[in-house]
Amino acid sequence: MRNEQGGCPLREVTGKRSVLPRVGEGMVVRRVLLRARDVVFFKGVVEASEGLAAVFAEGGGDLHVAAPMDRAAELDAMLAELCAELGAVRLGSDVGNR
């Protein structure tokens, strides 16, 4: 529900901004930027990948994708294919690589 000015009331009332999801030890996080219209497709593919990863939306098409460290190579391969297909880009340094 939006307020009279068209803004999001939760953000205006709480003053909170979204933050990088807290992931536990043994997890990797990848950041992907894609068109907002492609988010539902992207999430559907990731969620259909037998528990490979979880997707967190930062806003629009700015996403964080978290997966267990032992599946990082599988995640990176899937992200490479999806980014190529959707014209998306990987952003920033990867979190959780050791």
PDB file of N, CA and C in Angstrom:
ATOM      1  N   MET A   1       0.839  -1.183   0.000  1.00  0.00           N
ATOM      2  CA  MET A   1       0.000   0.000   0.000  1.00  0.00           C
ATOM      3  C   MET A   1       0.881   1.242   0.000  1.00  0.00           C
ATOM      4  N   ARG A   2       0.538   2.214  -0.816  1.00  0.00           N
ATOM      5  CA  ARG A   2       1.346   3.436  -0.927  1.00  0.00           C
ATOM      6  C   ARG A   2       0.651   4.584  -0.200  1.00  0.00           C
ATOM      7  N   ASN A   3       1.470   5.560   0.209  1.00  0.00           N
ATOM      8  CA  ASN A   3       0.892   6.734   0.865  1.00  0.00           C
ATOM      9  C   ASN A   3       0.412   7.731  -0.178  1.00  0.00           C
ATOM     10  N   GLU A   4      -0.053   8.888   0.268  1.00  0.00           N
ATOM     11  CA  GLU A   4      -0.617   9.881  -0.651  1.00  0.00           C
ATOM     12  C   GLU A   4       0.400  10.411  -1.652  1.00  0.00           C
ATOM     13  N   GLN A   5       1.670  10.444  -1.279  1.00  0.00           N
ATOM     14  CA  GLN A   5       2.703  10.928  -2.178  1.00  0.00           C
ATOM     15  C   GLN A   5       3.212   9.826  -3.104  1.00  0.00           C
ATOM     16  N   GLY A   6       2.707   8.588  -2.958  1.00  0.00           N
ATOM     17  CA  GLY A   6       3.112   7.492  -3.821  1.00  0.00           C
ATOM     18  C   GLY A   6       4.310   6.727  -3.308  1.00  0.00           C
ATOM     19  N   GLY A   7       4.844   7.100  -2.152  1.00  0.00           N
ATOM     20  CA  GLY A   7       6.015   6.418  -1.607  1.00  0.00           C
ATOM     21  C   GLY A   7       5.632   5.185  -0.818  1.00  0.00           C
ATOM     22  N   CYS A   8       6.627   4.454  -0.402  1.00  0.00           N
ATOM     23  CA  CYS A   8       6.414   3.254   0.386  1.00  0.00           C
ATOM     24  C   CYS A   8       6.345   3.637   1.860  1.00  0.00           C
ATOM     25  N   PRO A   9       5.205   3.413   2.540  1.00  0.00           N
ATOM     26  CA  PRO A   9       5.069   3.859   3.921  1.00  0.00           C
ATOM     27  C   PRO A   9       6.027   3.170   4.885  1.00  0.00           C
ATOM     28  N   LEU A  10       6.371   1.906   4.669  1.00  0.00           N
ATOM     29  CA  LEU A  10       7.253   1.204   5.594  1.00  0.00           C
ATOM     30  C   LEU A  10       8.602   1.900   5.683  1.00  0.00           C
ATOM     31  N   ARG A  11       9.168   2.230   4.567  1.00  0.00           N
ATOM     32  CA  ARG A  11      10.469   2.898   4.570  1.00  0.00           C
ATOM     33  C   ARG A  11      10.376   4.277   5.202  1.00  0.00           C
ATOM     34  N   GLU A  12       9.286   5.005   4.911  1.00  0.00           N
ATOM     35  CA  GLU A  12       9.125   6.341   5.463  1.00  0.00           C
ATOM     36  C   GLU A  12       8.901   6.297   6.965  1.00  0.00           C
ATOM     37  N   VAL A  13       8.161   5.313   7.440  1.00  0.00           N
ATOM     38  CA  VAL A  13       7.866   5.216   8.863  1.00  0.00           C
ATOM     39  C   VAL A  13       9.069   4.710   9.645  1.00  0.00           C
ATOM     40  N   THR A  14       9.722   3.671   9.149  1.00  0.00           N
ATOM     41  CA  THR A  14      10.814   3.061   9.893  1.00  0.00           C
ATOM     42  C   THR A  14      12.157   3.713   9.608  1.00  0.00           C
ATOM     43  N   GLY A  15      12.298   4.331   8.446  1.00  0.00           N
ATOM     44  CA  GLY A  15      13.572   4.912   8.062  1.00  0.00           C
ATOM     45  C   GLY A  15      14.622   3.863   7.738  1.00  0.00           C
ATOM     46  N   LYS A  16      14.216   2.605   7.638  1.00  0.00           N
ATOM     47  CA  LYS A  16      15.163   1.524   7.379  1.00  0.00           C
ATOM     48  C   LYS A  16      15.388   1.347   5.896  1.00  0.00           C
ATOM     49  N   ARG A  17      16.616   0.956   5.568  1.00  0.00           N
ATOM     50  CA  ARG A  17      16.972   0.627   4.193  1.00  0.00           C
ATOM     51  C   ARG A  17      17.320  -0.846   4.144  1.00  0.00           C
ATOM     52  N   SER A  18      17.157  -1.435   2.979  1.00  0.00           N
ATOM     53  CA  SER A  18      17.526  -2.844   2.856  1.00  0.00           C
ATOM     54  C   SER A  18      19.039  -2.974   2.961  1.00  0.00           C
ATOM     55  N   VAL A  19      19.471  -4.104   3.458  1.00  0.00           N
ATOM     56  CA  VAL A  19      20.898  -4.359   3.638  1.00  0.00           C
ATOM     57  C   VAL A  19      21.228  -5.739   3.075  1.00  0.00           C
ATOM     58  N   LEU A  20      22.519  -5.984   2.871  1.00  0.00           N
ATOM     59  CA  LEU A  20      22.968  -7.281   2.412  1.00  0.00           C
ATOM     60  C   LEU A  20      22.464  -8.348   3.376  1.00  0.00           C
ATOM     61  N   PRO A  21      21.874  -9.409   2.852  1.00  0.00           N
ATOM     62  CA  PRO A  21      21.379 -10.454   3.740  1.00  0.00           C
ATOM     63  C   PRO A  21      22.525 -11.047   4.556  1.00  0.00           C
ATOM     64  N   ARG A  22      22.259 -11.329   5.808  1.00  0.00           N
ATOM     65  CA  ARG A  22      23.266 -11.962   6.663  1.00  0.00           C
ATOM     66  C   ARG A  22      23.256 -13.447   6.350  1.00  0.00           C
ATOM     67  N   VAL A  23      24.383 -13.906   5.922  1.00  0.00           N
ATOM     68  CA  VAL A  23      24.511 -15.329   5.637  1.00  0.00           C
ATOM     69  C   VAL A  23      25.546 -15.904   6.580  1.00  0.00           C
ATOM     70  N   GLY A  24      25.353 -17.139   6.931  1.00  0.00           N
ATOM     71  CA  GLY A  24      26.237 -17.786   7.881  1.00  0.00           C
ATOM     72  C   GLY A  24      27.555 -18.224   7.281  1.00  0.00           C
ATOM     73  N   GLU A  25      28.400 -18.712   8.150  1.00  0.00           N
ATOM     74  CA  GLU A  25      29.691 -19.243   7.745  1.00  0.00           C
ATOM     75  C   GLU A  25      29.472 -20.387   6.751  1.00  0.00           C
ATOM     76  N   GLY A  26      30.344 -20.485   5.789  1.00  0.00           N
ATOM     77  CA  GLY A  26      30.220 -21.543   4.793  1.00  0.00           C
ATOM     78  C   GLY A  26      29.318 -21.183   3.629  1.00  0.00           C
ATOM     79  N   MET A  27      28.950 -19.913   3.518  1.00  0.00           N
ATOM     80  CA  MET A  27      28.086 -19.460   2.428  1.00  0.00           C
ATOM     81  C   MET A  27      28.844 -18.471   1.552  1.00  0.00           C
ATOM     82  N   VAL A  28      28.451 -18.398   0.283  1.00  0.00           N
ATOM     83  CA  VAL A  28      28.973 -17.396  -0.643  1.00  0.00           C
ATOM     84  C   VAL A  28      27.813 -16.532  -1.104  1.00  0.00           C
ATOM     85  N   VAL A  29      28.105 -15.279  -1.421  1.00  0.00           N
ATOM     86  CA  VAL A  29      27.086 -14.357  -1.922  1.00  0.00           C
ATOM     87  C   VAL A  29      27.602 -13.732  -3.209  1.00  0.00           C
ATOM     88  N   ARG A  30      26.769 -13.744  -4.222  1.00  0.00           N
ATOM     89  CA  ARG A  30      27.081 -13.125  -5.499  1.00  0.00           C
ATOM     90  C   ARG A  30      26.065 -12.014  -5.753  1.00  0.00           C
ATOM     91  N   ARG A  31      26.522 -10.901  -6.331  1.00  0.00           N
ATOM     92  CA  ARG A  31      25.619  -9.783  -6.634  1.00  0.00           C
ATOM     93  C   ARG A  31      25.427  -9.711  -8.145  1.00  0.00           C
ATOM     94  N   VAL A  32      24.179  -9.590  -8.550  1.00  0.00           N
ATOM     95  CA  VAL A  32      23.817  -9.564  -9.963  1.00  0.00           C
ATOM     96  C   VAL A  32      22.896  -8.376 -10.215  1.00  0.00           C
ATOM     97  N   LEU A  33      23.102  -7.674 -11.308  1.00  0.00           N
ATOM     98  CA  LEU A  33      22.235  -6.567 -11.707  1.00  0.00           C
ATOM     99  C   LEU A  33      21.600  -6.924 -13.044  1.00  0.00           C
ATOM    100  N   LEU A  34      20.265  -6.909 -13.079  1.00  0.00           N
ATOM    101  CA  LEU A  34      19.540  -7.213 -14.307  1.00  0.00           C
ATOM    102  C   LEU A  34      18.315  -6.322 -14.399  1.00  0.00           C
ATOM    103  N   ARG A  35      17.664  -6.350 -15.538  1.00  0.00           N
ATOM    104  CA  ARG A  35      16.440  -5.554 -15.710  1.00  0.00           C
ATOM    105  C   ARG A  35      15.381  -6.042 -14.727  1.00  0.00           C
ATOM    106  N   ALA A  36      14.645  -5.117 -14.148  1.00  0.00           N
ATOM    107  CA  ALA A  36      13.614  -5.465 -13.166  1.00  0.00           C
ATOM    108  C   ALA A  36      12.604  -6.452 -13.746  1.00  0.00           C
ATOM    109  N   ARG A  37      12.319  -6.340 -15.024  1.00  0.00           N
ATOM    110  CA  ARG A  37      11.331  -7.235 -15.634  1.00  0.00           C
ATOM    111  C   ARG A  37      11.815  -8.677 -15.718  1.00  0.00           C
ATOM    112  N   ASP A  38      13.130  -8.909 -15.556  1.00  0.00           N
ATOM    113  CA  ASP A  38      13.689 -10.256 -15.624  1.00  0.00           C
ATOM    114  C   ASP A  38      13.831 -10.930 -14.257  1.00  0.00           C
ATOM    115  N   VAL A  39      13.529 -10.214 -13.183  1.00  0.00           N
ATOM    116  CA  VAL A  39      13.737 -10.743 -11.832  1.00  0.00           C
ATOM    117  C   VAL A  39      12.918 -12.008 -11.580  1.00  0.00           C
ATOM    118  N   VAL A  40      11.651 -12.023 -11.955  1.00  0.00           N
ATOM    119  CA  VAL A  40      10.798 -13.184 -11.697  1.00  0.00           C
ATOM    120  C   VAL A  40      11.331 -14.416 -12.423  1.00  0.00           C
ATOM    121  N   PHE A  41      11.734 -14.249 -13.678  1.00  0.00           N
ATOM    122  CA  PHE A  41      12.313 -15.370 -14.420  1.00  0.00           C
ATOM    123  C   PHE A  41      13.590 -15.860 -13.743  1.00  0.00           C
ATOM    124  N   PHE A  42      14.481 -14.926 -13.386  1.00  0.00           N
ATOM    125  CA  PHE A  42      15.753 -15.259 -12.741  1.00  0.00           C
ATOM    126  C   PHE A  42      15.511 -16.033 -11.444  1.00  0.00           C
ATOM    127  N   LYS A  43      14.629 -15.510 -10.600  1.00  0.00           N
ATOM    128  CA  LYS A  43      14.329 -16.190  -9.333  1.00  0.00           C
ATOM    129  C   LYS A  43      13.740 -17.573  -9.576  1.00  0.00           C
ATOM    130  N   GLY A  44      12.885 -17.706 -10.570  1.00  0.00           N
ATOM    131  CA  GLY A  44      12.283 -18.997 -10.884  1.00  0.00           C
ATOM    132  C   GLY A  44      13.318 -20.032 -11.268  1.00  0.00           C
ATOM    133  N   VAL A  45      14.286 -19.624 -12.085  1.00  0.00           N
ATOM    134  CA  VAL A  45      15.344 -20.551 -12.497  1.00  0.00           C
ATOM    135  C   VAL A  45      16.198 -20.945 -11.296  1.00  0.00           C
ATOM    136  N   VAL A  46      16.593 -19.972 -10.495  1.00  0.00           N
ATOM    137  CA  VAL A  46      17.438 -20.265  -9.332  1.00  0.00           C
ATOM    138  C   VAL A  46      16.697 -21.162  -8.341  1.00  0.00           C
ATOM    139  N   GLU A  47      15.462 -20.844  -8.046  1.00  0.00           N
ATOM    140  CA  GLU A  47      14.696 -21.616  -7.063  1.00  0.00           C
ATOM    141  C   GLU A  47      14.370 -23.017  -7.569  1.00  0.00           C
ATOM    142  N   ALA A  48      14.364 -23.218  -8.883  1.00  0.00           N
ATOM    143  CA  ALA A  48      14.102 -24.543  -9.445  1.00  0.00           C
ATOM    144  C   ALA A  48      15.378 -25.392  -9.516  1.00  0.00           C
ATOM    145  N   SER A  49      16.485 -24.845  -9.070  1.00  0.00           N
ATOM    146  CA  SER A  49      17.779 -25.527  -9.177  1.00  0.00           C
ATOM    147  C   SER A  49      18.106 -26.352  -7.936  1.00  0.00           C
ATOM    148  N   GLU A  50      17.153 -27.102  -7.451  1.00  0.00           N
ATOM    149  CA  GLU A  50      17.327 -28.065  -6.370  1.00  0.00           C
ATOM    150  C   GLU A  50      18.086 -27.518  -5.168  1.00  0.00           C
ATOM    151  N   GLY A  51      17.637 -26.388  -4.659  1.00  0.00           N
ATOM    152  CA  GLY A  51      18.220 -25.840  -3.444  1.00  0.00           C
ATOM    153  C   GLY A  51      19.598 -25.242  -3.608  1.00  0.00           C
ATOM    154  N   LEU A  52      19.971 -24.912  -4.819  1.00  0.00           N
ATOM    155  CA  LEU A  52      21.298 -24.358  -5.066  1.00  0.00           C
ATOM    156  C   LEU A  52      21.515 -23.050  -4.316  1.00  0.00           C
ATOM    157  N   ALA A  53      20.547 -22.144  -4.384  1.00  0.00           N
ATOM    158  CA  ALA A  53      20.769 -20.808  -3.837  1.00  0.00           C
ATOM    159  C   ALA A  53      19.458 -20.139  -3.447  1.00  0.00           C
ATOM    160  N   ALA A  54      19.607 -19.049  -2.713  1.00  0.00           N
ATOM    161  CA  ALA A  54      18.481 -18.187  -2.358  1.00  0.00           C
ATOM    162  C   ALA A  54      18.749 -16.812  -2.961  1.00  0.00           C
ATOM    163  N   VAL A  55      17.686 -16.146  -3.406  1.00  0.00           N
ATOM    164  CA  VAL A  55      17.816 -14.838  -4.043  1.00  0.00           C
ATOM    165  C   VAL A  55      17.200 -13.787  -3.132  1.00  0.00           C
ATOM    166  N   PHE A  56      17.947 -12.702  -2.912  1.00  0.00           N
ATOM    167  CA  PHE A  56      17.474 -11.583  -2.109  1.00  0.00           C
ATOM    168  C   PHE A  56      17.487 -10.347  -2.992  1.00  0.00           C
ATOM    169  N   ALA A  57      16.364  -9.637  -3.051  1.00  0.00           N
ATOM    170  CA  ALA A  57      16.263  -8.443  -3.888  1.00  0.00           C
ATOM    171  C   ALA A  57      16.647  -7.214  -3.085  1.00  0.00           C
ATOM    172  N   GLU A  58      17.619  -6.482  -3.598  1.00  0.00           N
ATOM    173  CA  GLU A  58      18.037  -5.228  -2.980  1.00  0.00           C
ATOM    174  C   GLU A  58      17.103  -4.110  -3.427  1.00  0.00           C
ATOM    175  N   GLY A  59      16.572  -4.225  -4.630  1.00  0.00           N
ATOM    176  CA  GLY A  59      15.654  -3.231  -5.178  1.00  0.00           C
ATOM    177  C   GLY A  59      15.689  -3.340  -6.682  1.00  0.00           C
ATOM    178  N   GLY A  60      14.526  -3.396  -7.309  1.00  0.00           N
ATOM    179  CA  GLY A  60      14.483  -3.544  -8.756  1.00  0.00           C
ATOM    180  C   GLY A  60      15.200  -4.802  -9.187  1.00  0.00           C
ATOM    181  N   GLY A  61      16.215  -4.656 -10.014  1.00  0.00           N
ATOM    182  CA  GLY A  61      16.969  -5.795 -10.496  1.00  0.00           C
ATOM    183  C   GLY A  61      18.320  -5.977  -9.824  1.00  0.00           C
ATOM    184  N   ASP A  62      18.520  -5.346  -8.666  1.00  0.00           N
ATOM    185  CA  ASP A  62      19.761  -5.481  -7.906  1.00  0.00           C
ATOM    186  C   ASP A  62      19.592  -6.632  -6.925  1.00  0.00           C
ATOM    187  N   LEU A  63      20.222  -7.773  -7.220  1.00  0.00           N
ATOM    188  CA  LEU A  63      19.992  -8.992  -6.456  1.00  0.00           C
ATOM    189  C   LEU A  63      21.257  -9.502  -5.785  1.00  0.00           C
ATOM    190  N   HIS A  64      21.076 -10.169  -4.645  1.00  0.00           N
ATOM    191  CA  HIS A  64      22.136 -10.925  -3.988  1.00  0.00           C
ATOM    192  C   HIS A  64      21.705 -12.387  -4.029  1.00  0.00           C
ATOM    193  N   VAL A  65      22.638 -13.250  -4.402  1.00  0.00           N
ATOM    194  CA  VAL A  65      22.357 -14.676  -4.517  1.00  0.00           C
ATOM    195  C   VAL A  65      23.306 -15.404  -3.563  1.00  0.00           C
ATOM    196  N   ALA A  66      22.736 -16.140  -2.613  1.00  0.00           N
ATOM    197  CA  ALA A  66      23.537 -16.835  -1.594  1.00  0.00           C
ATOM    198  C   ALA A  66      23.430 -18.341  -1.785  1.00  0.00           C
ATOM    199  N   ALA A  67      24.578 -19.027  -1.618  1.00  0.00           N
ATOM    200  CA  ALA A  67      24.628 -20.483  -1.781  1.00  0.00           C
ATOM    201  C   ALA A  67      25.687 -21.050  -0.840  1.00  0.00           C
ATOM    202  N   PRO A  68      25.592 -22.346  -0.549  1.00  0.00           N
ATOM    203  CA  PRO A  68      26.641 -22.986   0.253  1.00  0.00           C
ATOM    204  C   PRO A  68      27.984 -22.915  -0.478  1.00  0.00           C
ATOM    205  N   MET A  69      29.057 -22.733   0.278  1.00  0.00           N
ATOM    206  CA  MET A  69      30.388 -22.589  -0.313  1.00  0.00           C
ATOM    207  C   MET A  69      30.772 -23.784  -1.183  1.00  0.00           C
ATOM    208  N   ASP A  70      30.346 -24.983  -0.799  1.00  0.00           N
ATOM    209  CA  ASP A  70      30.721 -26.158  -1.584  1.00  0.00           C
ATOM    210  C   ASP A  70      29.975 -26.241  -2.922  1.00  0.00           C
ATOM    211  N   ARG A  71      29.040 -25.328  -3.151  1.00  0.00           N
ATOM    212  CA  ARG A  71      28.332 -25.287  -4.441  1.00  0.00           C
ATOM    213  C   ARG A  71      28.635 -24.003  -5.203  1.00  0.00           C
ATOM    214  N   ALA A  72      29.707 -23.297  -4.800  1.00  0.00           N
ATOM    215  CA  ALA A  72      30.053 -22.016  -5.424  1.00  0.00           C
ATOM    216  C   ALA A  72      30.326 -22.163  -6.920  1.00  0.00           C
ATOM    217  N   ALA A  73      31.044 -23.199  -7.323  1.00  0.00           N
ATOM    218  CA  ALA A  73      31.352 -23.385  -8.749  1.00  0.00           C
ATOM    219  C   ALA A  73      30.070 -23.607  -9.553  1.00  0.00           C
ATOM    220  N   GLU A  74      29.156 -24.388  -8.999  1.00  0.00           N
ATOM    221  CA  GLU A  74      27.866 -24.637  -9.662  1.00  0.00           C
ATOM    222  C   GLU A  74      27.063 -23.341  -9.776  1.00  0.00           C
ATOM    223  N   LEU A  75      27.070 -22.549  -8.699  1.00  0.00           N
ATOM    224  CA  LEU A  75      26.377 -21.254  -8.713  1.00  0.00           C
ATOM    225  C   LEU A  75      26.985 -20.342  -9.771  1.00  0.00           C
ATOM    226  N   ASP A  76      28.317 -20.244  -9.795  1.00  0.00           N
ATOM    227  CA  ASP A  76      28.973 -19.362 -10.758  1.00  0.00           C
ATOM    228  C   ASP A  76      28.671 -19.762 -12.203  1.00  0.00           C
ATOM    229  N   ALA A  77      28.628 -21.065 -12.464  1.00  0.00           N
ATOM    230  CA  ALA A  77      28.309 -21.536 -13.816  1.00  0.00           C
ATOM    231  C   ALA A  77      26.883 -21.154 -14.197  1.00  0.00           C
ATOM    232  N   MET A  78      25.941 -21.347 -13.267  1.00  0.00           N
ATOM    233  CA  MET A  78      24.552 -20.994 -13.554  1.00  0.00           C
ATOM    234  C   MET A  78      24.408 -19.487 -13.756  1.00  0.00           C
ATOM    235  N   LEU A  79      25.075 -18.689 -12.907  1.00  0.00           N
ATOM    236  CA  LEU A  79      24.996 -17.233 -13.050  1.00  0.00           C
ATOM    237  C   LEU A  79      25.596 -16.768 -14.369  1.00  0.00           C
ATOM    238  N   ALA A  80      26.674 -17.399 -14.810  1.00  0.00           N
ATOM    239  CA  ALA A  80      27.280 -17.032 -16.091  1.00  0.00           C
ATOM    240  C   ALA A  80      26.290 -17.256 -17.232  1.00  0.00           C
ATOM    241  N   GLU A  81      25.599 -18.387 -17.206  1.00  0.00           N
ATOM    242  CA  GLU A  81      24.609 -18.681 -18.254  1.00  0.00           C
ATOM    243  C   GLU A  81      23.438 -17.711 -18.195  1.00  0.00           C
ATOM    244  N   LEU A  82      22.917 -17.471 -16.989  1.00  0.00           N
ATOM    245  CA  LEU A  82      21.776 -16.560 -16.855  1.00  0.00           C
ATOM    246  C   LEU A  82      22.153 -15.134 -17.236  1.00  0.00           C
ATOM    247  N   CYS A  83      23.324 -14.683 -16.813  1.00  0.00           N
ATOM    248  CA  CYS A  83      23.755 -13.325 -17.151  1.00  0.00           C
ATOM    249  C   CYS A  83      23.894 -13.163 -18.663  1.00  0.00           C
ATOM    250  N   ALA A  84      24.443 -14.163 -19.314  1.00  0.00           N
ATOM    251  CA  ALA A  84      24.585 -14.096 -20.772  1.00  0.00           C
ATOM    252  C   ALA A  84      23.221 -14.064 -21.454  1.00  0.00           C
ATOM    253  N   GLU A  85      22.307 -14.901 -20.973  1.00  0.00           N
ATOM    254  CA  GLU A  85      20.975 -14.973 -21.586  1.00  0.00           C
ATOM    255  C   GLU A  85      20.162 -13.707 -21.358  1.00  0.00           C
ATOM    256  N   LEU A  86      20.275 -13.120 -20.172  1.00  0.00           N
ATOM    257  CA  LEU A  86      19.430 -11.977 -19.808  1.00  0.00           C
ATOM    258  C   LEU A  86      20.111 -10.625 -19.987  1.00  0.00           C
ATOM    259  N   GLY A  87      21.381 -10.619 -20.352  1.00  0.00           N
ATOM    260  CA  GLY A  87      22.108  -9.355 -20.466  1.00  0.00           C
ATOM    261  C   GLY A  87      22.386  -8.743 -19.107  1.00  0.00           C
ATOM    262  N   ALA A  88      22.489  -9.576 -18.083  1.00  0.00           N
ATOM    263  CA  ALA A  88      22.754  -9.123 -16.716  1.00  0.00           C
ATOM    264  C   ALA A  88      24.260  -9.059 -16.484  1.00  0.00           C
ATOM    265  N   VAL A  89      24.660  -8.399 -15.399  1.00  0.00           N
ATOM    266  CA  VAL A  89      26.071  -8.299 -15.046  1.00  0.00           C
ATOM    267  C   VAL A  89      26.276  -8.670 -13.587  1.00  0.00           C
ATOM    268  N   ARG A  90      27.439  -9.246 -13.305  1.00  0.00           N
ATOM    269  CA  ARG A  90      27.850  -9.499 -11.919  1.00  0.00           C
ATOM    270  C   ARG A  90      28.523  -8.234 -11.416  1.00  0.00           C
ATOM    271  N   LEU A  91      28.218  -7.848 -10.186  1.00  0.00           N
ATOM    272  CA  LEU A  91      28.778  -6.627  -9.620  1.00  0.00           C
ATOM    273  C   LEU A  91      29.627  -6.914  -8.401  1.00  0.00           C
ATOM    274  N   GLY A  92      30.587  -6.046  -8.143  1.00  0.00           N
ATOM    275  CA  GLY A  92      31.354  -6.072  -6.918  1.00  0.00           C
ATOM    276  C   GLY A  92      32.153  -7.334  -6.711  1.00  0.00           C
ATOM    277  N   SER A  93      32.804  -7.363  -5.562  1.00  0.00           N
ATOM    278  CA  SER A  93      33.568  -8.549  -5.216  1.00  0.00           C
ATOM    279  C   SER A  93      32.635  -9.583  -4.584  1.00  0.00           C
ATOM    280  N   ASP A  94      32.969 -10.816  -4.771  1.00  0.00           N
ATOM    281  CA  ASP A  94      32.165 -11.908  -4.215  1.00  0.00           C
ATOM    282  C   ASP A  94      32.447 -12.024  -2.726  1.00  0.00           C
ATOM    283  N   VAL A  95      31.405 -12.313  -1.956  1.00  0.00           N
ATOM    284  CA  VAL A  95      31.516 -12.470  -0.517  1.00  0.00           C
ATOM    285  C   VAL A  95      31.547 -13.951  -0.206  1.00  0.00           C
ATOM    286  N   GLY A  96      32.446 -14.359   0.671  1.00  0.00           N
ATOM    287  CA  GLY A  96      32.467 -15.732   1.109  1.00  0.00           C
ATOM    288  C   GLY A  96      33.512 -16.594   0.453  1.00  0.00           C
ATOM    289  N   ASN A  97      34.274 -16.053  -0.467  1.00  0.00           N
ATOM    290  CA  ASN A  97      35.356 -16.829  -1.081  1.00  0.00           C
ATOM    291  C   ASN A  97      36.558 -16.831  -0.161  1.00  0.00           C
ATOM    292  N   ARG A  98      37.150 -18.005   0.001  1.00  0.00           N
ATOM    293  CA  ARG A  98      38.342 -18.087   0.860  1.00  0.00           C
ATOM    294  C   ARG A  98      39.378 -18.931   0.196  1.00  0.00           C
TER     295      ARG A  98
END
